[in-house]
Each structure stands twice: as structure tokens, then as C-alpha cells.
Amino acid sequence: MAEYYTDKIFDGTAFPEPPAGEFDSCTFRNCNWSNKILNQNVYTDCQFLDCDLSNIHVMDTTFSDSVFTRCKMMGVRFDECNSYLFSVSFHECRLDLSSFFNRRMKRTPIQSCSLKECDFSSADLSETAFHECDLEGAVFENSILEKCDFQTAGKYIIDPERNRLKNAIFSAHNLEGLLMKYHIRVKR
């Protein structure tokens, strides 16, 4: 039977290995769990602060209302997480090479993050705001991007014919990412 933790603070110096179990309203600080296994854990209303979670294994892991701040999370397969109640937000995180394939992420707050070469194929990102995010090499294929806010995002390439973009918001200075496939140059 899995352990149950509530309102507990986990500091990386005291917890070099991720504990297994169910976590409710817990805080994880300075944890270096790169390449560790978090499979089947449940995180509800949890905060992750200044953690290195690169390449963590999250098969059937539940993240519900989980907040990640200043975390390094390169290569995480969020597409393998439990999809039931999946709800996250990212602030000042490095998520390069992570996968959100087929993930439902409506209204997800993503602020000041590096999302280089992330896979958002077939993801529902409706009403998500990519504030000050670097989307260089990110893959958007059959993605639902309706009402998304890309005004301050940069370096994205999005094919309007292969994604749903109704009412998405873009700034005039970043239109090249929408026109790339047409080999059109936009002069300023």
C-alpha cells in the first residue's frame, strides 16, 4: 500500500530519492531527481520549486493542479502520465525535448519557459498562454491551438493548415512562424 503525505515539505538534501506514494498539497524544493522513477505516484495541489526533474519516468503518474517553478525538466514524457485530471502550470522552467503528445492541457499557464523541440502533436492547448516562451523547434501537428496566446512567444513554426488556430492571438512581429512553409519573407 502506498504512503500518503499531506502538507509536507520535501527538501532535496533530505530526500535524494523520490519517495513513492500519494502527495496532497506538498512542496518539493531543490530536489535533484534527474532520471529517477516517479511512476504511478499521485501529486495533487503540489509545488515543485527549483528542482531538476530531467528525464524522470512518469508512467501513469498523476499530476493534478501541480505547479512547477524554476525547474529543469528536459526530456519528460508527460504523454505517459495518467490523463485523468492532468493539470499543470510551468513558470520559468526548462522543458526542452519534453513530450505533451495527445495531452489535454486547456488553459495551462506557461510563463517564461524554454520549450525547445517539445512535442505538442495532437495536444489540446486551447486557451493556453505561452507568455515569453521559446518554442524553437517545437512540434505542433494536429494540435488544437484555439484561443491560444502566442503574442510574446518566440521562434515557433506553426502550420495553419495542420493545426486548429481559430481565435489564436499572435503579434505582428512574429508572423514568420505562421508563414514559414510558404517561403514568404516578412519585412519590418
N, C-alpha and C. Protein backbone atom coordinates (compact mmCIF):
# COMPACT_ATOMS: atom_id res chain seq x y z
N MET A 1 0.84 -1.18 0.00
CA MET A 1 0.00 0.00 0.00
C MET A 1 0.88 1.25 0.00
N ALA A 2 0.57 2.20 -0.85
CA ALA A 2 1.38 3.41 -1.00
C ALA A 2 1.22 4.34 0.19
N GLU A 3 2.29 5.05 0.50
CA GLU A 3 2.27 6.05 1.57
C GLU A 3 1.43 7.24 1.14
N TYR A 4 0.81 7.92 2.12
CA TYR A 4 0.05 9.13 1.85
C TYR A 4 0.68 10.28 2.63
N TYR A 5 0.98 11.39 1.91
CA TYR A 5 1.61 12.55 2.53
C TYR A 5 0.73 13.77 2.26
N THR A 6 0.56 14.61 3.27
CA THR A 6 -0.19 15.84 3.08
C THR A 6 0.53 17.00 3.76
N ASP A 7 0.53 18.14 3.08
CA ASP A 7 1.15 19.38 3.61
C ASP A 7 2.58 19.17 4.11
N LYS A 8 3.33 18.38 3.40
CA LYS A 8 4.71 18.09 3.79
C LYS A 8 5.68 18.80 2.83
N ILE A 9 6.82 19.23 3.38
CA ILE A 9 7.87 19.84 2.55
C ILE A 9 8.99 18.81 2.37
N PHE A 10 9.33 18.57 1.12
CA PHE A 10 10.41 17.65 0.79
C PHE A 10 11.58 18.47 0.26
N ASP A 11 12.66 18.51 1.00
CA ASP A 11 13.86 19.23 0.58
C ASP A 11 14.82 18.23 -0.04
N GLY A 12 15.41 18.62 -1.15
CA GLY A 12 16.28 17.71 -1.90
C GLY A 12 17.45 17.16 -1.10
N THR A 13 17.96 17.92 -0.13
CA THR A 13 19.09 17.43 0.65
C THR A 13 18.68 16.27 1.56
N ALA A 14 17.44 16.29 2.01
CA ALA A 14 16.95 15.22 2.88
C ALA A 14 16.35 14.06 2.09
N PHE A 15 16.01 14.33 0.82
CA PHE A 15 15.35 13.32 0.00
C PHE A 15 16.07 13.18 -1.33
N PRO A 16 17.23 12.50 -1.36
CA PRO A 16 17.94 12.33 -2.62
C PRO A 16 17.20 11.41 -3.60
N GLU A 17 16.31 10.59 -3.09
CA GLU A 17 15.49 9.71 -3.93
C GLU A 17 14.03 10.12 -3.77
N PRO A 18 13.26 10.09 -4.85
CA PRO A 18 11.85 10.46 -4.73
C PRO A 18 11.07 9.40 -3.95
N PRO A 19 10.34 9.82 -2.92
CA PRO A 19 9.52 8.84 -2.21
C PRO A 19 8.34 8.43 -3.09
N ALA A 20 7.85 7.23 -2.88
CA ALA A 20 6.70 6.74 -3.64
C ALA A 20 5.44 6.97 -2.82
N GLY A 21 4.34 7.25 -3.51
CA GLY A 21 3.08 7.38 -2.80
C GLY A 21 2.17 8.41 -3.39
N GLU A 22 1.28 8.90 -2.54
CA GLU A 22 0.30 9.91 -2.92
C GLU A 22 0.59 11.17 -2.11
N PHE A 23 0.67 12.30 -2.81
CA PHE A 23 1.07 13.56 -2.20
C PHE A 23 -0.01 14.61 -2.41
N ASP A 24 -0.48 15.21 -1.30
CA ASP A 24 -1.53 16.21 -1.38
C ASP A 24 -1.02 17.50 -0.73
N SER A 25 -1.02 18.58 -1.50
CA SER A 25 -0.58 19.90 -1.01
C SER A 25 0.83 19.87 -0.45
N CYS A 26 1.71 19.14 -1.10
CA CYS A 26 3.11 19.05 -0.67
C CYS A 26 3.99 19.98 -1.51
N THR A 27 5.14 20.34 -0.96
CA THR A 27 6.12 21.18 -1.65
C THR A 27 7.42 20.41 -1.79
N PHE A 28 7.98 20.43 -2.99
CA PHE A 28 9.26 19.78 -3.26
C PHE A 28 10.25 20.86 -3.65
N ARG A 29 11.34 21.00 -2.87
CA ARG A 29 12.32 22.06 -3.10
C ARG A 29 13.70 21.49 -3.35
N ASN A 30 14.36 22.02 -4.38
CA ASN A 30 15.75 21.68 -4.67
C ASN A 30 16.00 20.19 -4.79
N CYS A 31 15.04 19.46 -5.31
CA CYS A 31 15.20 18.02 -5.49
C CYS A 31 15.91 17.76 -6.81
N ASN A 32 16.96 16.96 -6.77
CA ASN A 32 17.67 16.56 -7.98
C ASN A 32 17.31 15.10 -8.24
N TRP A 33 16.22 14.93 -8.97
CA TRP A 33 15.72 13.60 -9.26
C TRP A 33 15.84 13.26 -10.73
N SER A 34 16.83 13.82 -11.38
CA SER A 34 17.05 13.54 -12.79
C SER A 34 17.19 12.04 -13.02
N ASN A 35 16.47 11.53 -14.01
CA ASN A 35 16.47 10.11 -14.38
C ASN A 35 15.87 9.18 -13.33
N LYS A 36 15.17 9.72 -12.35
CA LYS A 36 14.56 8.88 -11.30
C LYS A 36 13.18 8.42 -11.73
N ILE A 37 12.64 7.47 -10.98
CA ILE A 37 11.34 6.89 -11.30
C ILE A 37 10.28 7.43 -10.36
N LEU A 38 9.26 8.07 -10.95
CA LEU A 38 8.11 8.58 -10.20
C LEU A 38 6.84 7.86 -10.64
N ASN A 39 6.99 6.75 -11.33
CA ASN A 39 5.86 6.02 -11.89
C ASN A 39 4.77 5.77 -10.86
N GLN A 40 3.54 6.03 -11.26
CA GLN A 40 2.32 5.75 -10.51
C GLN A 40 2.16 6.58 -9.24
N ASN A 41 3.02 7.55 -9.01
CA ASN A 41 2.80 8.46 -7.89
C ASN A 41 1.64 9.39 -8.22
N VAL A 42 1.05 9.97 -7.19
CA VAL A 42 -0.06 10.91 -7.36
C VAL A 42 0.32 12.21 -6.67
N TYR A 43 0.30 13.32 -7.45
CA TYR A 43 0.63 14.64 -6.93
C TYR A 43 -0.58 15.55 -7.14
N THR A 44 -1.22 15.95 -6.04
CA THR A 44 -2.40 16.81 -6.11
C THR A 44 -2.11 18.10 -5.37
N ASP A 45 -2.32 19.24 -6.03
CA ASP A 45 -2.06 20.56 -5.44
C ASP A 45 -0.63 20.66 -4.90
N CYS A 46 0.32 20.12 -5.62
CA CYS A 46 1.72 20.14 -5.18
C CYS A 46 2.51 21.22 -5.92
N GLN A 47 3.59 21.68 -5.27
CA GLN A 47 4.50 22.65 -5.87
C GLN A 47 5.89 22.04 -5.96
N PHE A 48 6.54 22.25 -7.10
CA PHE A 48 7.91 21.83 -7.32
C PHE A 48 8.72 23.11 -7.56
N LEU A 49 9.69 23.39 -6.69
CA LEU A 49 10.47 24.62 -6.77
C LEU A 49 11.95 24.31 -6.95
N ASP A 50 12.55 24.87 -8.00
CA ASP A 50 13.99 24.76 -8.23
C ASP A 50 14.48 23.31 -8.25
N CYS A 51 13.73 22.44 -8.87
CA CYS A 51 14.08 21.02 -8.93
C CYS A 51 14.67 20.67 -10.30
N ASP A 52 15.53 19.64 -10.32
CA ASP A 52 16.00 19.05 -11.57
C ASP A 52 15.26 17.73 -11.74
N LEU A 53 14.30 17.75 -12.65
CA LEU A 53 13.47 16.57 -12.91
C LEU A 53 13.66 16.07 -14.33
N SER A 54 14.81 16.36 -14.90
CA SER A 54 15.08 15.95 -16.28
C SER A 54 15.02 14.44 -16.43
N ASN A 55 14.37 14.01 -17.49
CA ASN A 55 14.27 12.59 -17.84
C ASN A 55 13.65 11.72 -16.75
N ILE A 56 12.81 12.32 -15.90
CA ILE A 56 12.13 11.50 -14.90
C ILE A 56 11.16 10.56 -15.61
N HIS A 57 10.91 9.43 -14.99
CA HIS A 57 9.96 8.44 -15.52
C HIS A 57 8.62 8.68 -14.84
N VAL A 58 7.59 8.93 -15.65
CA VAL A 58 6.29 9.31 -15.09
C VAL A 58 5.15 8.44 -15.64
N MET A 59 5.43 7.19 -15.91
CA MET A 59 4.40 6.29 -16.42
C MET A 59 3.25 6.19 -15.41
N ASP A 60 2.05 6.54 -15.85
CA ASP A 60 0.83 6.50 -15.02
C ASP A 60 0.91 7.39 -13.78
N THR A 61 1.79 8.37 -13.79
CA THR A 61 1.87 9.33 -12.69
C THR A 61 0.77 10.35 -12.85
N THR A 62 0.16 10.75 -11.74
CA THR A 62 -0.91 11.75 -11.77
C THR A 62 -0.36 13.09 -11.29
N PHE A 63 -0.53 14.12 -12.13
CA PHE A 63 -0.24 15.50 -11.76
C PHE A 63 -1.56 16.25 -11.85
N SER A 64 -2.13 16.61 -10.73
CA SER A 64 -3.39 17.34 -10.70
C SER A 64 -3.16 18.66 -9.97
N ASP A 65 -3.36 19.77 -10.68
CA ASP A 65 -3.12 21.11 -10.11
C ASP A 65 -1.71 21.22 -9.54
N SER A 66 -0.75 20.72 -10.27
CA SER A 66 0.65 20.77 -9.85
C SER A 66 1.35 21.95 -10.51
N VAL A 67 2.17 22.66 -9.75
CA VAL A 67 2.84 23.87 -10.21
C VAL A 67 4.35 23.62 -10.19
N PHE A 68 5.00 23.92 -11.32
CA PHE A 68 6.45 23.77 -11.44
C PHE A 68 7.06 25.16 -11.64
N THR A 69 7.98 25.54 -10.76
CA THR A 69 8.60 26.86 -10.82
C THR A 69 10.13 26.71 -10.82
N ARG A 70 10.77 27.32 -11.82
CA ARG A 70 12.23 27.30 -11.99
C ARG A 70 12.79 25.87 -11.96
N CYS A 71 12.09 24.96 -12.60
CA CYS A 71 12.53 23.57 -12.64
C CYS A 71 13.16 23.26 -13.99
N LYS A 72 14.13 22.37 -13.96
CA LYS A 72 14.74 21.82 -15.17
C LYS A 72 14.05 20.48 -15.39
N MET A 73 13.35 20.37 -16.53
CA MET A 73 12.53 19.19 -16.79
C MET A 73 12.71 18.72 -18.23
N MET A 74 13.93 18.61 -18.65
CA MET A 74 14.21 18.25 -20.04
C MET A 74 13.89 16.77 -20.28
N GLY A 75 13.27 16.50 -21.43
CA GLY A 75 13.03 15.12 -21.84
C GLY A 75 11.96 14.38 -21.06
N VAL A 76 11.04 15.08 -20.43
CA VAL A 76 9.99 14.41 -19.65
C VAL A 76 8.86 13.99 -20.58
N ARG A 77 8.40 12.77 -20.45
CA ARG A 77 7.33 12.21 -21.29
C ARG A 77 5.97 12.40 -20.58
N PHE A 78 5.47 13.64 -20.59
CA PHE A 78 4.18 13.91 -19.99
C PHE A 78 3.07 13.14 -20.68
N ASP A 79 3.31 12.69 -21.90
CA ASP A 79 2.32 11.89 -22.62
C ASP A 79 2.12 10.53 -21.98
N GLU A 80 3.01 10.11 -21.11
CA GLU A 80 2.88 8.82 -20.42
C GLU A 80 2.19 8.94 -19.06
N CYS A 81 1.94 10.19 -18.64
CA CYS A 81 1.26 10.42 -17.36
C CYS A 81 -0.20 9.96 -17.43
N ASN A 82 -0.77 9.76 -16.28
CA ASN A 82 -2.20 9.49 -16.19
C ASN A 82 -2.94 10.72 -16.72
N SER A 83 -3.81 10.54 -17.68
CA SER A 83 -4.50 11.69 -18.28
C SER A 83 -5.67 12.17 -17.42
N TYR A 84 -6.12 11.37 -16.50
CA TYR A 84 -7.25 11.75 -15.66
C TYR A 84 -6.84 12.91 -14.75
N LEU A 85 -7.56 14.00 -14.81
CA LEU A 85 -7.33 15.20 -14.01
C LEU A 85 -5.96 15.85 -14.23
N PHE A 86 -5.30 15.57 -15.36
CA PHE A 86 -4.00 16.16 -15.65
C PHE A 86 -4.12 17.67 -15.70
N SER A 87 -3.42 18.36 -14.80
CA SER A 87 -3.46 19.81 -14.74
C SER A 87 -2.15 20.31 -14.14
N VAL A 88 -1.41 21.08 -14.95
CA VAL A 88 -0.10 21.57 -14.52
C VAL A 88 0.05 23.04 -14.91
N SER A 89 1.03 23.70 -14.31
CA SER A 89 1.44 25.03 -14.79
C SER A 89 2.95 25.10 -14.64
N PHE A 90 3.55 25.88 -15.55
CA PHE A 90 5.01 25.98 -15.60
C PHE A 90 5.42 27.45 -15.59
N HIS A 91 6.37 27.78 -14.71
CA HIS A 91 6.88 29.15 -14.60
C HIS A 91 8.41 29.11 -14.56
N GLU A 92 9.02 29.74 -15.54
CA GLU A 92 10.48 29.82 -15.63
C GLU A 92 11.14 28.44 -15.63
N CYS A 93 10.55 27.51 -16.35
CA CYS A 93 11.08 26.15 -16.41
C CYS A 93 11.76 25.89 -17.75
N ARG A 94 12.65 24.92 -17.73
CA ARG A 94 13.31 24.46 -18.95
C ARG A 94 12.76 23.08 -19.27
N LEU A 95 11.90 23.02 -20.29
CA LEU A 95 11.19 21.80 -20.65
C LEU A 95 11.63 21.25 -22.00
N ASP A 96 12.78 21.65 -22.48
CA ASP A 96 13.26 21.23 -23.79
C ASP A 96 13.16 19.71 -23.96
N LEU A 97 12.78 19.31 -25.18
CA LEU A 97 12.72 17.90 -25.58
C LEU A 97 11.66 17.09 -24.84
N SER A 98 10.74 17.74 -24.14
CA SER A 98 9.66 17.03 -23.45
C SER A 98 8.52 16.75 -24.42
N SER A 99 7.69 15.77 -24.07
CA SER A 99 6.58 15.40 -24.93
C SER A 99 5.24 15.61 -24.22
N PHE A 100 4.36 16.33 -24.92
CA PHE A 100 2.99 16.54 -24.48
C PHE A 100 2.04 15.95 -25.52
N PHE A 101 2.52 14.94 -26.25
CA PHE A 101 1.75 14.33 -27.32
C PHE A 101 0.37 13.90 -26.82
N ASN A 102 -0.67 14.34 -27.55
CA ASN A 102 -2.04 13.91 -27.29
C ASN A 102 -2.53 14.29 -25.88
N ARG A 103 -1.90 15.24 -25.26
CA ARG A 103 -2.24 15.64 -23.89
C ARG A 103 -3.30 16.74 -23.93
N ARG A 104 -4.29 16.66 -23.08
CA ARG A 104 -5.31 17.70 -22.95
C ARG A 104 -4.82 18.69 -21.90
N MET A 105 -4.57 19.94 -22.35
CA MET A 105 -3.96 20.95 -21.47
C MET A 105 -4.65 22.31 -21.64
N LYS A 106 -5.94 22.32 -21.65
CA LYS A 106 -6.68 23.58 -21.82
C LYS A 106 -6.33 24.56 -20.71
N ARG A 107 -6.15 25.83 -21.11
CA ARG A 107 -5.90 26.94 -20.17
C ARG A 107 -4.69 26.70 -19.25
N THR A 108 -3.66 26.08 -19.77
CA THR A 108 -2.45 25.82 -18.98
C THR A 108 -1.58 27.06 -18.92
N PRO A 109 -1.25 27.56 -17.74
CA PRO A 109 -0.33 28.70 -17.64
C PRO A 109 1.11 28.24 -17.91
N ILE A 110 1.73 28.85 -18.92
CA ILE A 110 3.13 28.55 -19.24
C ILE A 110 3.83 29.89 -19.40
N GLN A 111 4.70 30.24 -18.46
CA GLN A 111 5.31 31.57 -18.44
C GLN A 111 6.83 31.48 -18.39
N SER A 112 7.47 32.21 -19.30
CA SER A 112 8.94 32.35 -19.32
C SER A 112 9.64 31.00 -19.32
N CYS A 113 9.19 30.11 -20.18
CA CYS A 113 9.76 28.76 -20.24
C CYS A 113 10.49 28.52 -21.56
N SER A 114 11.48 27.64 -21.50
CA SER A 114 12.14 27.15 -22.69
C SER A 114 11.47 25.84 -23.07
N LEU A 115 10.88 25.81 -24.27
CA LEU A 115 10.14 24.65 -24.76
C LEU A 115 10.72 24.17 -26.08
N LYS A 116 12.05 24.26 -26.20
CA LYS A 116 12.71 23.91 -27.44
C LYS A 116 12.50 22.43 -27.76
N GLU A 117 12.06 22.18 -29.00
CA GLU A 117 11.86 20.84 -29.53
C GLU A 117 10.87 20.00 -28.73
N CYS A 118 9.94 20.65 -28.04
CA CYS A 118 8.87 19.91 -27.36
C CYS A 118 7.89 19.39 -28.40
N ASP A 119 7.26 18.29 -28.09
CA ASP A 119 6.27 17.70 -28.98
C ASP A 119 4.87 18.00 -28.44
N PHE A 120 4.14 18.86 -29.18
CA PHE A 120 2.76 19.19 -28.83
C PHE A 120 1.79 18.59 -29.85
N SER A 121 2.23 17.58 -30.59
CA SER A 121 1.39 16.95 -31.60
C SER A 121 0.11 16.40 -30.97
N SER A 122 -1.00 16.68 -31.63
CA SER A 122 -2.33 16.18 -31.22
C SER A 122 -2.75 16.63 -29.82
N ALA A 123 -2.06 17.62 -29.26
CA ALA A 123 -2.42 18.12 -27.93
C ALA A 123 -3.53 19.16 -28.03
N ASP A 124 -4.38 19.20 -27.02
CA ASP A 124 -5.40 20.24 -26.93
C ASP A 124 -4.88 21.31 -25.97
N LEU A 125 -4.42 22.41 -26.55
CA LEU A 125 -3.85 23.51 -25.78
C LEU A 125 -4.77 24.74 -25.81
N SER A 126 -6.04 24.54 -26.06
CA SER A 126 -6.99 25.64 -26.16
C SER A 126 -6.84 26.61 -24.99
N GLU A 127 -6.81 27.90 -25.31
CA GLU A 127 -6.76 28.98 -24.34
C GLU A 127 -5.49 29.00 -23.48
N THR A 128 -4.47 28.29 -23.92
CA THR A 128 -3.19 28.31 -23.22
C THR A 128 -2.42 29.56 -23.62
N ALA A 129 -1.75 30.17 -22.67
CA ALA A 129 -0.93 31.35 -22.94
C ALA A 129 0.54 30.97 -22.83
N PHE A 130 1.27 31.17 -23.91
CA PHE A 130 2.71 30.92 -23.93
C PHE A 130 3.42 32.26 -23.73
N HIS A 131 3.39 32.80 -22.53
CA HIS A 131 3.98 34.11 -22.25
C HIS A 131 5.50 34.01 -22.18
N GLU A 132 6.17 34.77 -23.07
CA GLU A 132 7.63 34.86 -23.08
C GLU A 132 8.30 33.49 -23.13
N CYS A 133 7.77 32.62 -23.97
CA CYS A 133 8.31 31.26 -24.10
C CYS A 133 9.10 31.12 -25.40
N ASP A 134 10.16 30.31 -25.34
CA ASP A 134 10.97 29.98 -26.51
C ASP A 134 10.49 28.65 -27.05
N LEU A 135 9.88 28.68 -28.24
CA LEU A 135 9.31 27.49 -28.85
C LEU A 135 10.11 27.01 -30.06
N GLU A 136 11.41 27.29 -30.06
CA GLU A 136 12.26 26.90 -31.18
C GLU A 136 12.23 25.39 -31.39
N GLY A 137 11.84 24.98 -32.59
CA GLY A 137 11.83 23.56 -32.92
C GLY A 137 10.67 22.78 -32.32
N ALA A 138 9.76 23.44 -31.59
CA ALA A 138 8.60 22.73 -31.02
C ALA A 138 7.71 22.24 -32.16
N VAL A 139 7.12 21.07 -31.96
CA VAL A 139 6.30 20.45 -32.99
C VAL A 139 4.82 20.64 -32.65
N PHE A 140 4.13 21.31 -33.57
CA PHE A 140 2.68 21.46 -33.49
C PHE A 140 2.10 20.79 -34.73
N GLU A 141 1.49 19.66 -34.56
CA GLU A 141 0.93 18.89 -35.67
C GLU A 141 -0.42 18.34 -35.20
N ASN A 142 -1.49 18.74 -35.89
CA ASN A 142 -2.85 18.35 -35.49
C ASN A 142 -3.17 18.80 -34.07
N SER A 143 -2.60 19.91 -33.66
CA SER A 143 -2.81 20.45 -32.32
C SER A 143 -4.00 21.39 -32.32
N ILE A 144 -4.70 21.44 -31.20
CA ILE A 144 -5.80 22.38 -31.02
C ILE A 144 -5.22 23.59 -30.30
N LEU A 145 -5.11 24.70 -31.03
CA LEU A 145 -4.49 25.92 -30.51
C LEU A 145 -5.49 27.08 -30.51
N GLU A 146 -6.76 26.74 -30.43
CA GLU A 146 -7.80 27.77 -30.46
C GLU A 146 -7.71 28.65 -29.22
N LYS A 147 -7.76 29.96 -29.46
CA LYS A 147 -7.70 30.98 -28.41
C LYS A 147 -6.37 30.96 -27.64
N CYS A 148 -5.33 30.33 -28.19
CA CYS A 148 -4.01 30.36 -27.55
C CYS A 148 -3.41 31.75 -27.71
N ASP A 149 -2.57 32.12 -26.77
CA ASP A 149 -1.91 33.42 -26.82
C ASP A 149 -0.42 33.21 -27.07
N PHE A 150 0.01 33.58 -28.29
CA PHE A 150 1.41 33.46 -28.68
C PHE A 150 2.06 34.85 -28.83
N GLN A 151 1.42 35.89 -28.30
CA GLN A 151 1.89 37.26 -28.54
C GLN A 151 3.34 37.49 -28.13
N THR A 152 3.76 36.93 -27.02
CA THR A 152 5.13 37.17 -26.55
C THR A 152 6.02 35.93 -26.70
N ALA A 153 5.48 34.89 -27.33
CA ALA A 153 6.28 33.68 -27.59
C ALA A 153 7.17 33.92 -28.79
N GLY A 154 8.24 33.16 -28.88
CA GLY A 154 9.14 33.34 -30.00
C GLY A 154 9.64 32.04 -30.58
N LYS A 155 10.11 32.14 -31.81
CA LYS A 155 10.79 31.09 -32.56
C LYS A 155 9.91 29.89 -32.90
N TYR A 156 8.61 30.03 -32.85
CA TYR A 156 7.72 28.93 -33.20
C TYR A 156 7.54 28.84 -34.72
N ILE A 157 7.22 27.64 -35.17
CA ILE A 157 6.79 27.42 -36.55
C ILE A 157 5.52 26.60 -36.44
N ILE A 158 4.42 27.19 -36.89
CA ILE A 158 3.11 26.55 -36.80
C ILE A 158 2.45 26.59 -38.17
N ASP A 159 2.07 25.45 -38.67
CA ASP A 159 1.40 25.36 -39.96
C ASP A 159 -0.10 25.55 -39.74
N PRO A 160 -0.66 26.68 -40.21
CA PRO A 160 -2.09 26.94 -40.01
C PRO A 160 -3.00 25.89 -40.67
N GLU A 161 -2.49 25.18 -41.65
CA GLU A 161 -3.30 24.17 -42.32
C GLU A 161 -3.30 22.83 -41.58
N ARG A 162 -2.40 22.65 -40.65
CA ARG A 162 -2.29 21.37 -39.95
C ARG A 162 -2.61 21.47 -38.46
N ASN A 163 -3.11 22.64 -38.05
CA ASN A 163 -3.47 22.87 -36.66
C ASN A 163 -4.74 23.72 -36.61
N ARG A 164 -5.47 23.61 -35.53
CA ARG A 164 -6.67 24.43 -35.34
C ARG A 164 -6.27 25.70 -34.60
N LEU A 165 -6.43 26.85 -35.27
CA LEU A 165 -5.95 28.13 -34.73
C LEU A 165 -7.03 29.18 -34.54
N LYS A 166 -8.28 28.80 -34.61
CA LYS A 166 -9.36 29.78 -34.52
C LYS A 166 -9.20 30.66 -33.28
N ASN A 167 -9.19 31.97 -33.50
CA ASN A 167 -9.09 32.98 -32.43
C ASN A 167 -7.78 32.93 -31.64
N ALA A 168 -6.76 32.28 -32.17
CA ALA A 168 -5.43 32.33 -31.52
C ALA A 168 -4.88 33.74 -31.71
N ILE A 169 -4.03 34.17 -30.79
CA ILE A 169 -3.50 35.53 -30.82
C ILE A 169 -2.01 35.49 -31.08
N PHE A 170 -1.59 36.25 -32.10
CA PHE A 170 -0.18 36.35 -32.46
C PHE A 170 0.18 37.83 -32.57
N SER A 171 1.43 38.16 -32.36
CA SER A 171 1.86 39.54 -32.55
C SER A 171 2.34 39.70 -34.00
N ALA A 172 2.25 40.90 -34.50
CA ALA A 172 2.65 41.18 -35.88
C ALA A 172 4.12 40.89 -36.12
N HIS A 173 4.96 41.06 -35.09
CA HIS A 173 6.40 40.84 -35.30
C HIS A 173 6.81 39.37 -35.29
N ASN A 174 5.88 38.46 -35.03
CA ASN A 174 6.21 37.03 -35.04
C ASN A 174 5.43 36.24 -36.09
N LEU A 175 4.99 36.89 -37.14
CA LEU A 175 4.20 36.20 -38.15
C LEU A 175 5.00 35.23 -39.01
N GLU A 176 6.31 35.38 -39.04
CA GLU A 176 7.13 34.48 -39.86
C GLU A 176 6.88 33.01 -39.52
N GLY A 177 6.65 32.72 -38.24
CA GLY A 177 6.44 31.35 -37.81
C GLY A 177 5.17 30.72 -38.37
N LEU A 178 4.23 31.56 -38.79
CA LEU A 178 3.00 31.05 -39.40
C LEU A 178 3.11 30.94 -40.92
N LEU A 179 4.08 31.65 -41.49
CA LEU A 179 4.21 31.72 -42.95
C LEU A 179 5.41 30.95 -43.49
N MET A 180 6.17 30.32 -42.63
CA MET A 180 7.42 29.65 -43.00
C MET A 180 7.25 28.69 -44.16
N LYS A 181 6.22 27.89 -44.16
CA LYS A 181 6.04 26.86 -45.20
C LYS A 181 5.77 27.47 -46.57
N TYR A 182 5.35 28.74 -46.59
CA TYR A 182 5.05 29.39 -47.86
C TYR A 182 6.27 30.12 -48.43
N HIS A 183 7.37 30.09 -47.72
CA HIS A 183 8.60 30.77 -48.12
C HIS A 183 8.36 32.26 -48.38
N ILE A 184 7.55 32.84 -47.51
CA ILE A 184 7.25 34.27 -47.59
C ILE A 184 8.12 34.99 -46.57
N ARG A 185 8.72 36.09 -47.01
CA ARG A 185 9.54 36.90 -46.10
C ARG A 185 8.72 38.08 -45.63
N VAL A 186 8.75 38.32 -44.34
CA VAL A 186 8.04 39.46 -43.77
C VAL A 186 9.09 40.52 -43.41
N LYS A 187 8.93 41.71 -44.00
CA LYS A 187 9.87 42.82 -43.73
C LYS A 187 9.29 43.72 -42.65
N ARG A 188 10.18 44.24 -41.82
CA ARG A 188 9.74 45.17 -40.76
C ARG A 188 10.24 46.54 -41.01
